[in-house]
Amino acid sequence: MWIANNWKDYEVLDTSSGEKLERWGDYILVRPDPQVIWKTPHDHKAWKQKNGHYHRSAKGGGEWEFFSLPDEWAIHYTLPFQKAVTDSDPLTFHLKPFSFKHTGLFPEQAVNWDWFSGLIHNANRPVKVLNLFAYTGGATVSAAAAGAAVTHVDASKGMVGWAKENAAASGLADAPIRWLVDDCMKFVEREIRRGNKYDGIIMDPPSYGRGPKGEIWKIEDNIWDFVGLTAQLLSDDALFFLINSYTTGLQPAVLSYMMNSTLTKKFGGHVEAEEIGLPVTESGLVLPCGASGRWQRK
């Protein structure tokens, strides 16, 4: 398992009874997590000191309950490899509680930020990165901070705006980042026709979603063809390809099989796939948080 254990501003304090107790900077949140099937004692004192609690509804969805939580706040993360463009300042991410328990960041992805930022930094040459289904830009900001020119694509105008805020807060307002509100499939098809290539590709596809014009995305039906299509954008000396999955059906072995079939067979290199997770302070164990597949040439 790849574990995101370099955080200072984020911490999973405890987990029990379908919920996780988290510290986001100075604030404590309780949010549901389907992986937490155990019913351990609520021994950590922060269970009684929460600033926000997302309650799931038996009918689906849910709602937030707040206790002295601001509308927005920020946390920081320091990459092991950063260019001087950020003056070595930590990355800054704006957070706010919004629909279906989310805050605007997936902290477990920091383990992947560390990985590809090292590849970008150590390449010692210009690197172009494509980030698809890019959300609020955690991977975009990390790649840019490591020195890459990044193309950020997401179908949600609001998410792209949020990502721009994170980049500016991280000292990357003038970094070479293209911000695009677009359907990822159609964008990739156009890039192939234009002959554009990328040295690194990141994708974090949703289980289900719709594009800006109602295009339907269902990961089990679309991911195989989409990976094969997107692989056509890899440059001759590409560095990496990263796929993240929060869908239980796409286990690490499935990601490995798919990426070996579409990438290694054509470009060489090697594939690794693992669960990703976050350390839990109270138990000393690790909370699983999905899976990632990584291809790299060397």
C-alpha atoms as a PDB file:
ATOM      1  CA  MET A   1       0.000   0.000   0.000  1.00  0.00           C
ATOM      2  CA  TRP A   2       1.168   3.528  -0.793  1.00  0.00           C
ATOM      3  CA  ILE A   3       0.597   5.706   2.274  1.00  0.00           C
ATOM      4  CA  ALA A   4       0.273   9.505   2.297  1.00  0.00           C
ATOM      5  CA  ASN A   5       2.212  10.050   5.501  1.00  0.00           C
ATOM      6  CA  ASN A   6       3.956  13.387   4.892  1.00  0.00           C
ATOM      7  CA  TRP A   7       1.085  15.660   5.901  1.00  0.00           C
ATOM      8  CA  LYS A   8       1.470  18.225   8.686  1.00  0.00           C
ATOM      9  CA  ASP A   9      -1.862  20.047   8.214  1.00  0.00           C
ATOM     10  CA  TYR A  10      -4.057  16.984   7.750  1.00  0.00           C
ATOM     11  CA  GLU A  11      -4.576  13.910   9.941  1.00  0.00           C
ATOM     12  CA  VAL A  12      -6.997  11.025  10.299  1.00  0.00           C
ATOM     13  CA  LEU A  13      -7.345  11.004  14.066  1.00  0.00           C
ATOM     14  CA  ASP A  14      -9.650   7.998  14.421  1.00  0.00           C
ATOM     15  CA  THR A  15     -12.213   5.850  12.586  1.00  0.00           C
ATOM     16  CA  SER A  16     -15.285   3.989  13.819  1.00  0.00           C
ATOM     17  CA  SER A  17     -18.857   3.019  12.939  1.00  0.00           C
ATOM     18  CA  GLY A  18     -18.783   4.161   9.335  1.00  0.00           C
ATOM     19  CA  GLU A  19     -17.099   7.506  10.038  1.00  0.00           C
ATOM     20  CA  LYS A  20     -13.642   9.069  10.089  1.00  0.00           C
ATOM     21  CA  LEU A  21     -12.485  11.786  12.475  1.00  0.00           C
ATOM     22  CA  GLU A  22     -10.168  14.194  10.663  1.00  0.00           C
ATOM     23  CA  ARG A  23      -8.071  17.245  11.447  1.00  0.00           C
ATOM     24  CA  TRP A  24      -7.961  19.728   8.577  1.00  0.00           C
ATOM     25  CA  GLY A  25      -5.543  22.362   9.818  1.00  0.00           C
ATOM     26  CA  ASP A  26      -7.164  23.855  12.925  1.00  0.00           C
ATOM     27  CA  TYR A  27     -10.570  22.247  12.380  1.00  0.00           C
ATOM     28  CA  ILE A  28     -12.030  18.843  13.180  1.00  0.00           C
ATOM     29  CA  LEU A  29     -14.499  17.162  10.821  1.00  0.00           C
ATOM     30  CA  VAL A  30     -16.452  13.925  11.060  1.00  0.00           C
ATOM     31  CA  ARG A  31     -17.348  12.444   7.689  1.00  0.00           C
ATOM     32  CA  PRO A  32     -18.764   9.104   6.534  1.00  0.00           C
ATOM     33  CA  ASP A  33     -16.471   6.510   5.000  1.00  0.00           C
ATOM     34  CA  PRO A  34     -17.824   3.247   3.563  1.00  0.00           C
ATOM     35  CA  GLN A  35     -14.554   1.433   4.308  1.00  0.00           C
ATOM     36  CA  VAL A  36     -14.983   1.917   8.063  1.00  0.00           C
ATOM     37  CA  ILE A  37     -17.015  -1.194   8.893  1.00  0.00           C
ATOM     38  CA  TRP A  38     -15.487  -1.630  12.379  1.00  0.00           C
ATOM     39  CA  LYS A  39     -17.082  -0.349  15.577  1.00  0.00           C
ATOM     40  CA  THR A  40     -14.140   0.518  17.785  1.00  0.00           C
ATOM     41  CA  PRO A  41     -14.537   2.772  20.871  1.00  0.00           C
ATOM     42  CA  HIS A  42     -14.640   6.536  20.353  1.00  0.00           C
ATOM     43  CA  ASP A  43     -11.665   7.052  22.645  1.00  0.00           C
ATOM     44  CA  HIS A  44     -10.091  10.028  20.893  1.00  0.00           C
ATOM     45  CA  LYS A  45     -11.140  13.236  22.634  1.00  0.00           C
ATOM     46  CA  ALA A  46     -11.651  15.055  19.311  1.00  0.00           C
ATOM     47  CA  TRP A  47     -14.885  13.118  18.704  1.00  0.00           C
ATOM     48  CA  LYS A  48     -16.374  15.611  21.182  1.00  0.00           C
ATOM     49  CA  GLN A  49     -14.556  18.623  19.717  1.00  0.00           C
ATOM     50  CA  LYS A  50     -15.764  18.511  16.114  1.00  0.00           C
ATOM     51  CA  ASN A  51     -16.328  21.653  14.041  1.00  0.00           C
ATOM     52  CA  GLY A  52     -18.380  19.935  11.359  1.00  0.00           C
ATOM     53  CA  HIS A  53     -20.239  16.641  10.946  1.00  0.00           C
ATOM     54  CA  TYR A  54     -21.657  15.278   7.709  1.00  0.00           C
ATOM     55  CA  HIS A  55     -24.672  13.057   8.401  1.00  0.00           C
ATOM     56  CA  ARG A  56     -25.600  10.481   5.795  1.00  0.00           C
ATOM     57  CA  SER A  57     -29.286  10.027   5.049  1.00  0.00           C
ATOM     58  CA  ALA A  58     -30.862   6.583   4.841  1.00  0.00           C
ATOM     59  CA  LYS A  59     -32.518   7.793   1.629  1.00  0.00           C
ATOM     60  CA  GLY A  60     -29.194   8.803   0.066  1.00  0.00           C
ATOM     61  CA  GLY A  61     -27.170  11.999   0.265  1.00  0.00           C
ATOM     62  CA  GLY A  62     -27.045  13.827   3.568  1.00  0.00           C
ATOM     63  CA  GLU A  63     -26.287  17.210   5.115  1.00  0.00           C
ATOM     64  CA  TRP A  64     -23.693  19.077   7.107  1.00  0.00           C
ATOM     65  CA  GLU A  65     -24.043  20.117  10.736  1.00  0.00           C
ATOM     66  CA  PHE A  66     -21.613  22.863  11.757  1.00  0.00           C
ATOM     67  CA  PHE A  67     -20.057  23.851  15.082  1.00  0.00           C
ATOM     68  CA  SER A  68     -17.884  26.974  14.689  1.00  0.00           C
ATOM     69  CA  LEU A  69     -16.557  26.141  11.223  1.00  0.00           C
ATOM     70  CA  PRO A  70     -15.653  28.985   8.821  1.00  0.00           C
ATOM     71  CA  ASP A  71     -17.086  29.085   5.326  1.00  0.00           C
ATOM     72  CA  GLU A  72     -13.585  28.594   3.926  1.00  0.00           C
ATOM     73  CA  TRP A  73     -10.078  27.950   5.259  1.00  0.00           C
ATOM     74  CA  ALA A  74      -6.726  26.677   3.955  1.00  0.00           C
ATOM     75  CA  ILE A  75      -4.224  23.919   4.602  1.00  0.00           C
ATOM     76  CA  HIS A  76      -0.679  23.497   3.315  1.00  0.00           C
ATOM     77  CA  TYR A  77       1.501  20.718   1.925  1.00  0.00           C
ATOM     78  CA  THR A  78       5.222  20.668   1.145  1.00  0.00           C
ATOM     79  CA  LEU A  79       6.397  18.539  -1.761  1.00  0.00           C
ATOM     80  CA  PRO A  80       9.772  16.811  -1.538  1.00  0.00           C
ATOM     81  CA  PHE A  81      10.599  18.360  -4.935  1.00  0.00           C
ATOM     82  CA  GLN A  82       9.665  21.942  -5.764  1.00  0.00           C
ATOM     83  CA  LYS A  83      11.055  24.513  -8.159  1.00  0.00           C
ATOM     84  CA  ALA A  84      11.987  28.057  -7.145  1.00  0.00           C
ATOM     85  CA  VAL A  85       8.787  29.311  -8.802  1.00  0.00           C
ATOM     86  CA  THR A  86       7.090  28.784  -5.438  1.00  0.00           C
ATOM     87  CA  ASP A  87      10.042  30.096  -3.413  1.00  0.00           C
ATOM     88  CA  SER A  88       9.952  26.760  -1.604  1.00  0.00           C
ATOM     89  CA  ASP A  89       6.693  27.778   0.062  1.00  0.00           C
ATOM     90  CA  PRO A  90       4.253  24.968   0.773  1.00  0.00           C
ATOM     91  CA  LEU A  91       1.345  24.355  -1.560  1.00  0.00           C
ATOM     92  CA  THR A  92      -1.863  25.956  -0.330  1.00  0.00           C
ATOM     93  CA  PHE A  93      -5.334  24.480  -0.776  1.00  0.00           C
ATOM     94  CA  HIS A  94      -8.576  26.305  -0.051  1.00  0.00           C
ATOM     95  CA  LEU A  95     -11.201  24.142   1.602  1.00  0.00           C
ATOM     96  CA  LYS A  96     -14.917  24.434   2.173  1.00  0.00           C
ATOM     97  CA  PRO A  97     -17.587  21.886   3.036  1.00  0.00           C
ATOM     98  CA  PHE A  98     -19.878  21.276   0.084  1.00  0.00           C
ATOM     99  CA  SER A  99     -22.064  18.651  -1.546  1.00  0.00           C
ATOM    100  CA  PHE A 100     -21.925  15.022  -0.470  1.00  0.00           C
ATOM    101  CA  LYS A 101     -19.376  15.289   2.363  1.00  0.00           C
ATOM    102  CA  HIS A 102     -16.524  16.739   0.290  1.00  0.00           C
ATOM    103  CA  THR A 103     -14.127  19.536   1.243  1.00  0.00           C
ATOM    104  CA  GLY A 104     -12.383  20.105  -2.102  1.00  0.00           C
ATOM    105  CA  LEU A 105      -9.314  17.929  -1.544  1.00  0.00           C
ATOM    106  CA  PHE A 106      -8.401  14.236  -1.365  1.00  0.00           C
ATOM    107  CA  PRO A 107      -5.405  14.154   1.023  1.00  0.00           C
ATOM    108  CA  GLU A 108      -4.489  10.554   0.199  1.00  0.00           C
ATOM    109  CA  GLN A 109      -3.450  11.737  -3.269  1.00  0.00           C
ATOM    110  CA  ALA A 110      -0.385  13.409  -1.746  1.00  0.00           C
ATOM    111  CA  VAL A 111       1.435  10.086  -2.058  1.00  0.00           C
ATOM    112  CA  ASN A 112       1.032  10.378  -5.833  1.00  0.00           C
ATOM    113  CA  TRP A 113       1.991  14.063  -5.851  1.00  0.00           C
ATOM    114  CA  ASP A 114       5.264  13.106  -4.168  1.00  0.00           C
ATOM    115  CA  TRP A 115       5.906  10.397  -6.761  1.00  0.00           C
ATOM    116  CA  PHE A 116       5.354  12.306  -9.980  1.00  0.00           C
ATOM    117  CA  SER A 117       6.847  15.568  -8.707  1.00  0.00           C
ATOM    118  CA  GLY A 118      10.099  13.648  -8.217  1.00  0.00           C
ATOM    119  CA  LEU A 119       9.981  12.337 -11.792  1.00  0.00           C
ATOM    120  CA  ILE A 120       9.323  15.840 -13.139  1.00  0.00           C
ATOM    121  CA  HIS A 121      12.019  17.452 -11.016  1.00  0.00           C
ATOM    122  CA  ASN A 122      14.657  14.849 -11.862  1.00  0.00           C
ATOM    123  CA  ALA A 123      13.976  14.911 -15.612  1.00  0.00           C
ATOM    124  CA  ASN A 124      16.096  18.066 -15.935  1.00  0.00           C
ATOM    125  CA  ARG A 125      14.235  19.101 -19.084  1.00  0.00           C
ATOM    126  CA  PRO A 126      10.930  20.764 -20.002  1.00  0.00           C
ATOM    127  CA  VAL A 127       8.027  18.505 -19.056  1.00  0.00           C
ATOM    128  CA  LYS A 128       4.426  18.777 -20.272  1.00  0.00           C
ATOM    129  CA  VAL A 129       1.711  17.215 -18.114  1.00  0.00           C
ATOM    130  CA  LEU A 130      -1.965  16.612 -18.868  1.00  0.00           C
ATOM    131  CA  ASN A 131      -4.339  16.370 -15.882  1.00  0.00           C
ATOM    132  CA  LEU A 132      -7.769  14.970 -16.791  1.00  0.00           C
ATOM    133  CA  PHE A 133     -10.824  15.068 -14.509  1.00  0.00           C
ATOM    134  CA  ALA A 134      -8.625  17.501 -12.632  1.00  0.00           C
ATOM    135  CA  TYR A 135     -11.072  18.627  -9.909  1.00  0.00           C
ATOM    136  CA  THR A 136      -9.667  21.402  -7.678  1.00  0.00           C
ATOM    137  CA  GLY A 137      -6.134  20.993  -8.942  1.00  0.00           C
ATOM    138  CA  GLY A 138      -4.160  19.145  -6.277  1.00  0.00           C
ATOM    139  CA  ALA A 139      -2.212  17.260  -8.942  1.00  0.00           C
ATOM    140  CA  THR A 140      -2.031  20.289 -11.240  1.00  0.00           C
ATOM    141  CA  VAL A 141      -0.521  22.502  -8.556  1.00  0.00           C
ATOM    142  CA  SER A 142       1.924  19.761  -7.524  1.00  0.00           C
ATOM    143  CA  ALA A 143       3.118  19.143 -11.084  1.00  0.00           C
ATOM    144  CA  ALA A 144       3.493  22.881 -11.729  1.00  0.00           C
ATOM    145  CA  ALA A 145       5.401  23.367  -8.480  1.00  0.00           C
ATOM    146  CA  ALA A 146       7.802  20.630  -9.572  1.00  0.00           C
ATOM    147  CA  GLY A 147       8.466  22.554 -12.792  1.00  0.00           C
ATOM    148  CA  ALA A 148       6.021  21.160 -15.363  1.00  0.00           C
ATOM    149  CA  ALA A 149       3.836  22.991 -17.859  1.00  0.00           C
ATOM    150  CA  VAL A 150       0.359  21.650 -17.095  1.00  0.00           C
ATOM    151  CA  THR A 151      -2.906  21.385 -19.013  1.00  0.00           C
ATOM    152  CA  HIS A 152      -5.777  21.141 -16.509  1.00  0.00           C
ATOM    153  CA  VAL A 153      -9.077  19.788 -17.867  1.00  0.00           C
ATOM    154  CA  ASP A 154     -12.359  19.400 -15.976  1.00  0.00           C
ATOM    155  CA  ALA A 155     -15.999  19.571 -17.076  1.00  0.00           C
ATOM    156  CA  SER A 156     -16.995  21.762 -14.116  1.00  0.00           C
ATOM    157  CA  LYS A 157     -16.408  25.498 -14.444  1.00  0.00           C
ATOM    158  CA  GLY A 158     -16.662  25.864 -10.677  1.00  0.00           C
ATOM    159  CA  MET A 159     -13.959  23.270 -10.033  1.00  0.00           C
ATOM    160  CA  VAL A 160     -11.605  24.884 -12.545  1.00  0.00           C
ATOM    161  CA  GLY A 161     -12.138  28.240 -10.838  1.00  0.00           C
ATOM    162  CA  TRP A 162     -11.374  26.664  -7.467  1.00  0.00           C
ATOM    163  CA  ALA A 163      -8.204  25.094  -8.887  1.00  0.00           C
ATOM    164  CA  LYS A 164      -7.055  28.498 -10.132  1.00  0.00           C
ATOM    165  CA  GLU A 165      -7.484  29.858  -6.609  1.00  0.00           C
ATOM    166  CA  ASN A 166      -5.334  27.048  -5.232  1.00  0.00           C
ATOM    167  CA  ALA A 167      -2.634  27.745  -7.798  1.00  0.00           C
ATOM    168  CA  ALA A 168      -2.600  31.457  -6.981  1.00  0.00           C
ATOM    169  CA  ALA A 169      -2.500  30.751  -3.236  1.00  0.00           C
ATOM    170  CA  SER A 170       0.477  28.446  -3.853  1.00  0.00           C
ATOM    171  CA  GLY A 171       2.470  31.150  -5.637  1.00  0.00           C
ATOM    172  CA  LEU A 172       1.727  29.662  -9.059  1.00  0.00           C
ATOM    173  CA  ALA A 173      -0.564  32.284 -10.573  1.00  0.00           C
ATOM    174  CA  ASP A 174       1.964  32.889 -13.361  1.00  0.00           C
ATOM    175  CA  ALA A 175       3.007  29.266 -13.818  1.00  0.00           C
ATOM    176  CA  PRO A 176       2.511  27.723 -17.284  1.00  0.00           C
ATOM    177  CA  ILE A 177      -0.913  26.176 -16.626  1.00  0.00           C
ATOM    178  CA  ARG A 178      -3.699  25.963 -19.209  1.00  0.00           C
ATOM    179  CA  TRP A 179      -7.125  25.965 -17.540  1.00  0.00           C
ATOM    180  CA  LEU A 180      -9.825  24.288 -19.635  1.00  0.00           C
ATOM    181  CA  VAL A 181     -13.509  23.606 -18.960  1.00  0.00           C
ATOM    182  CA  ASP A 182     -14.164  20.720 -21.313  1.00  0.00           C
ATOM    183  CA  ASP A 183     -15.337  17.138 -21.663  1.00  0.00           C
ATOM    184  CA  CYS A 184     -12.193  15.046 -21.183  1.00  0.00           C
ATOM    185  CA  MET A 185     -12.980  12.510 -23.905  1.00  0.00           C
ATOM    186  CA  LYS A 186     -13.626  15.168 -26.534  1.00  0.00           C
ATOM    187  CA  PHE A 187     -10.563  17.143 -25.476  1.00  0.00           C
ATOM    188  CA  VAL A 188      -8.314  14.088 -25.864  1.00  0.00           C
ATOM    189  CA  GLU A 189      -9.771  13.378 -29.304  1.00  0.00           C
ATOM    190  CA  ARG A 190      -9.015  16.943 -30.402  1.00  0.00           C
ATOM    191  CA  GLU A 191      -5.484  16.813 -28.996  1.00  0.00           C
ATOM    192  CA  ILE A 192      -4.794  13.652 -30.999  1.00  0.00           C
ATOM    193  CA  ARG A 193      -5.972  15.377 -34.189  1.00  0.00           C
ATOM    194  CA  ARG A 194      -3.790  18.400 -33.348  1.00  0.00           C
ATOM    195  CA  GLY A 195      -0.758  16.165 -32.847  1.00  0.00           C
ATOM    196  CA  ASN A 196      -0.058  17.392 -29.306  1.00  0.00           C
ATOM    197  CA  LYS A 197       1.988  15.192 -26.967  1.00  0.00           C
ATOM    198  CA  TYR A 198       2.574  15.051 -23.214  1.00  0.00           C
ATOM    199  CA  ASP A 199       5.378  13.694 -21.051  1.00  0.00           C
ATOM    200  CA  GLY A 200       3.068  12.859 -18.169  1.00  0.00           C
ATOM    201  CA  ILE A 201      -0.650  12.075 -17.981  1.00  0.00           C
ATOM    202  CA  ILE A 202      -2.793  12.033 -14.840  1.00  0.00           C
ATOM    203  CA  MET A 203      -6.412  10.959 -14.738  1.00  0.00           C
ATOM    204  CA  ASP A 204      -8.798  10.757 -11.802  1.00  0.00           C
ATOM    205  CA  PRO A 205     -12.002   9.596 -13.499  1.00  0.00           C
ATOM    206  CA  PRO A 206     -15.277   9.583 -11.583  1.00  0.00           C
ATOM    207  CA  SER A 207     -17.330   6.432 -11.249  1.00  0.00           C
ATOM    208  CA  TYR A 208     -20.156   8.241 -12.991  1.00  0.00           C
ATOM    209  CA  GLY A 209     -20.472  11.714 -14.399  1.00  0.00           C
ATOM    210  CA  ARG A 210     -21.748  14.021 -17.083  1.00  0.00           C
ATOM    211  CA  GLY A 211     -19.887  16.391 -19.347  1.00  0.00           C
ATOM    212  CA  PRO A 212     -20.849  20.050 -19.885  1.00  0.00           C
ATOM    213  CA  LYS A 213     -23.265  19.041 -22.674  1.00  0.00           C
ATOM    214  CA  GLY A 214     -24.736  16.040 -20.905  1.00  0.00           C
ATOM    215  CA  GLU A 215     -22.177  13.465 -22.054  1.00  0.00           C
ATOM    216  CA  ILE A 216     -22.437  10.365 -19.845  1.00  0.00           C
ATOM    217  CA  TRP A 217     -19.328   8.811 -18.296  1.00  0.00           C
ATOM    218  CA  LYS A 218     -19.482   5.401 -16.599  1.00  0.00           C
ATOM    219  CA  ILE A 219     -16.067   4.164 -15.570  1.00  0.00           C
ATOM    220  CA  GLU A 220     -16.573   0.421 -16.081  1.00  0.00           C
ATOM    221  CA  ASP A 221     -17.856   1.014 -19.612  1.00  0.00           C
ATOM    222  CA  ASN A 222     -15.501   3.788 -20.692  1.00  0.00           C
ATOM    223  CA  ILE A 223     -12.137   3.475 -18.943  1.00  0.00           C
ATOM    224  CA  TRP A 224     -10.550   0.821 -21.189  1.00  0.00           C
ATOM    225  CA  ASP A 225     -11.195   2.688 -24.426  1.00  0.00           C
ATOM    226  CA  PHE A 226     -10.317   6.012 -22.814  1.00  0.00           C
ATOM    227  CA  VAL A 227      -6.923   4.859 -21.535  1.00  0.00           C
ATOM    228  CA  GLY A 228      -6.065   3.449 -24.961  1.00  0.00           C
ATOM    229  CA  LEU A 229      -7.127   6.704 -26.588  1.00  0.00           C
ATOM    230  CA  THR A 230      -5.261   8.911 -24.125  1.00  0.00           C
ATOM    231  CA  ALA A 231      -2.100   6.831 -24.462  1.00  0.00           C
ATOM    232  CA  GLN A 232      -1.809   8.208 -28.002  1.00  0.00           C
ATOM    233  CA  LEU A 233      -0.895  11.544 -26.416  1.00  0.00           C
ATOM    234  CA  LEU A 234       2.252  10.210 -24.725  1.00  0.00           C
ATOM    235  CA  SER A 235       5.474  11.658 -26.095  1.00  0.00           C
ATOM    236  CA  ASP A 236       8.337   9.490 -27.340  1.00  0.00           C
ATOM    237  CA  ASP A 237      10.243  10.081 -24.100  1.00  0.00           C
ATOM    238  CA  ALA A 238       7.231  10.201 -21.753  1.00  0.00           C
ATOM    239  CA  LEU A 239       7.864   9.946 -18.014  1.00  0.00           C
ATOM    240  CA  PHE A 240       4.660   8.624 -16.463  1.00  0.00           C
ATOM    241  CA  PHE A 241       0.948   7.810 -16.628  1.00  0.00           C
ATOM    242  CA  LEU A 242      -1.166   7.802 -13.455  1.00  0.00           C
ATOM    243  CA  ILE A 243      -4.718   6.478 -13.011  1.00  0.00           C
ATOM    244  CA  ASN A 244      -6.642   6.911  -9.755  1.00  0.00           C
ATOM    245  CA  SER A 245      -9.739   4.906  -8.915  1.00  0.00           C
ATOM    246  CA  TYR A 246     -12.265   5.097  -6.101  1.00  0.00           C
ATOM    247  CA  THR A 247     -14.456   2.426  -7.688  1.00  0.00           C
ATOM    248  CA  THR A 248     -14.311  -0.872  -5.789  1.00  0.00           C
ATOM    249  CA  GLY A 249     -14.435  -2.883  -9.013  1.00  0.00           C
ATOM    250  CA  LEU A 250     -11.190  -1.344 -10.270  1.00  0.00           C
ATOM    251  CA  GLN A 251      -8.838  -2.975  -7.808  1.00  0.00           C
ATOM    252  CA  PRO A 252      -5.046  -2.606  -8.125  1.00  0.00           C
ATOM    253  CA  ALA A 253      -4.740  -5.862 -10.085  1.00  0.00           C
ATOM    254  CA  VAL A 254      -7.350  -4.607 -12.571  1.00  0.00           C
ATOM    255  CA  LEU A 255      -5.491  -1.317 -13.020  1.00  0.00           C
ATOM    256  CA  SER A 256      -2.230  -3.216 -13.465  1.00  0.00           C
ATOM    257  CA  TYR A 257      -3.695  -5.544 -16.092  1.00  0.00           C
ATOM    258  CA  MET A 258      -5.268  -2.669 -18.019  1.00  0.00           C
ATOM    259  CA  MET A 259      -2.171  -0.450 -17.942  1.00  0.00           C
ATOM    260  CA  ASN A 260       0.186  -3.267 -18.868  1.00  0.00           C
ATOM    261  CA  SER A 261      -2.074  -4.139 -21.802  1.00  0.00           C
ATOM    262  CA  THR A 262      -2.345  -0.588 -23.102  1.00  0.00           C
ATOM    263  CA  LEU A 263       0.925   1.086 -22.046  1.00  0.00           C
ATOM    264  CA  THR A 264       3.765  -1.340 -21.316  1.00  0.00           C
ATOM    265  CA  LYS A 265       3.038  -3.394 -24.410  1.00  0.00           C
ATOM    266  CA  LYS A 266       3.411  -0.299 -26.583  1.00  0.00           C
ATOM    267  CA  PHE A 267       5.902   1.915 -24.745  1.00  0.00           C
ATOM    268  CA  GLY A 268       7.920  -0.448 -22.564  1.00  0.00           C
ATOM    269  CA  GLY A 269       8.630   0.686 -19.023  1.00  0.00           C
ATOM    270  CA  HIS A 270       6.812  -0.875 -16.101  1.00  0.00           C
ATOM    271  CA  VAL A 271       3.547  -0.657 -14.161  1.00  0.00           C
ATOM    272  CA  GLU A 272       2.870  -0.714 -10.439  1.00  0.00           C
ATOM    273  CA  ALA A 273      -0.568  -0.626  -8.846  1.00  0.00           C
ATOM    274  CA  GLU A 274      -1.454  -0.483  -5.164  1.00  0.00           C
ATOM    275  CA  GLU A 275      -4.094   0.606  -2.727  1.00  0.00           C
ATOM    276  CA  ILE A 276      -3.482   4.084  -1.358  1.00  0.00           C
ATOM    277  CA  GLY A 277      -4.160   4.986   2.242  1.00  0.00           C
ATOM    278  CA  LEU A 278      -3.897   7.379   5.156  1.00  0.00           C
ATOM    279  CA  PRO A 279      -2.383   6.602   8.568  1.00  0.00           C
ATOM    280  CA  VAL A 280      -4.803   6.658  11.512  1.00  0.00           C
ATOM    281  CA  THR A 281      -3.338   8.254  14.630  1.00  0.00           C
ATOM    282  CA  GLU A 282      -5.426   6.534  17.303  1.00  0.00           C
ATOM    283  CA  SER A 283      -5.002   2.951  16.083  1.00  0.00           C
ATOM    284  CA  GLY A 284      -1.651   3.152  14.289  1.00  0.00           C
ATOM    285  CA  LEU A 285      -3.306   1.386  11.345  1.00  0.00           C
ATOM    286  CA  VAL A 286      -4.016   2.567   7.796  1.00  0.00           C
ATOM    287  CA  LEU A 287      -7.349   3.617   6.288  1.00  0.00           C
ATOM    288  CA  PRO A 288      -7.655   2.399   2.654  1.00  0.00           C
ATOM    289  CA  CYS A 289      -8.678   5.151   0.234  1.00  0.00           C
ATOM    290  CA  GLY A 290      -8.955   3.662  -3.244  1.00  0.00           C
ATOM    291  CA  ALA A 291      -6.255   2.509  -5.639  1.00  0.00           C
ATOM    292  CA  SER A 292      -3.729   3.951  -8.072  1.00  0.00           C
ATOM    293  CA  GLY A 293      -1.939   2.553 -11.102  1.00  0.00           C
ATOM    294  CA  ARG A 294       1.395   4.036 -12.154  1.00  0.00           C
ATOM    295  CA  TRP A 295       3.276   3.533 -15.408  1.00  0.00           C
ATOM    296  CA  GLN A 296       6.747   4.961 -15.830  1.00  0.00           C
ATOM    297  CA  ARG A 297       9.317   4.506 -18.531  1.00  0.00           C
ATOM    298  CA  LYS A 298      12.306   3.928 -16.209  1.00  0.00           C
END
